[in-house]
Amino acid sequence: MSNDSASQIYSYDFTIPESAIDENGHVNNVAIPEEVISVFPAHNKKSSS
C-alpha cells in the first residue's frame, strides 16, 4: 500500500438535520449527497497541505 495522500483515509462526521428525516425515521436521499459534497473542500485542503 502506498503512503501518498491519495491512499490515506479521510473521515468526517456530520449530523443530518431533523428536517431531512421523514415521519418513518428515514433520511431523505438528497441529504447524504449534499453532506458528502460539502466535505470536498475540507478534504482537498487537508490532502494538499
Protein backbone atom coordinates (compact mmCIF):
# COMPACT_ATOMS: atom_id res chain seq x y z
CA MET A 1 0.00 0.00 0.00
CA SER A 2 1.34 3.39 -0.97
CA ASN A 3 1.80 6.10 1.65
CA ASP A 4 0.88 9.06 -0.58
CA SER A 5 -2.07 11.34 0.17
CA ALA A 6 -4.29 9.58 -2.41
CA SER A 7 -4.19 6.35 -0.40
CA GLN A 8 -4.84 7.88 3.01
CA ILE A 9 -8.24 7.51 4.62
CA TYR A 10 -10.16 10.71 5.32
CA SER A 11 -13.06 10.73 7.75
CA TYR A 12 -15.61 13.40 8.55
CA ASP A 13 -18.51 13.28 11.00
CA PHE A 14 -21.67 15.15 10.13
CA THR A 15 -25.16 15.47 11.54
CA ILE A 16 -28.22 15.11 9.36
CA PRO A 17 -30.72 17.83 10.32
CA GLU A 18 -34.10 16.75 11.67
CA SER A 19 -35.73 18.45 8.69
CA ALA A 20 -34.17 15.76 6.44
CA ILE A 21 -35.74 12.89 8.43
CA ASP A 22 -39.23 11.74 7.48
CA GLU A 23 -42.04 10.52 9.74
CA ASN A 24 -40.70 6.94 9.50
CA GLY A 25 -37.24 7.97 10.72
CA HIS A 26 -35.63 7.64 7.27
CA VAL A 27 -33.11 10.17 5.96
CA ASN A 28 -34.06 11.98 2.76
CA ASN A 29 -31.90 10.59 -0.07
CA VAL A 30 -30.80 14.12 -1.03
CA ALA A 31 -29.36 14.93 2.42
CA ILE A 32 -26.44 12.48 2.32
CA PRO A 33 -25.01 13.51 -1.09
CA GLU A 34 -25.31 17.17 -0.04
CA GLU A 35 -23.24 16.44 3.08
CA VAL A 36 -20.69 14.42 1.11
CA ILE A 37 -20.29 17.24 -1.42
CA SER A 38 -19.82 19.73 1.41
CA VAL A 39 -16.79 17.70 2.60
CA PHE A 40 -14.84 18.03 -0.67
CA PRO A 41 -13.31 21.46 0.04
CA ALA A 42 -12.13 20.38 3.52
CA HIS A 43 -10.73 17.12 2.14
CA ASN A 44 -8.88 18.86 -0.66
CA LYS A 45 -7.41 21.42 1.73
CA LYS A 46 -6.24 18.69 4.12
CA SER A 47 -4.73 16.48 1.41
CA SER A 48 -2.87 19.38 -0.22
CA SER A 49 -1.18 20.51 3.00
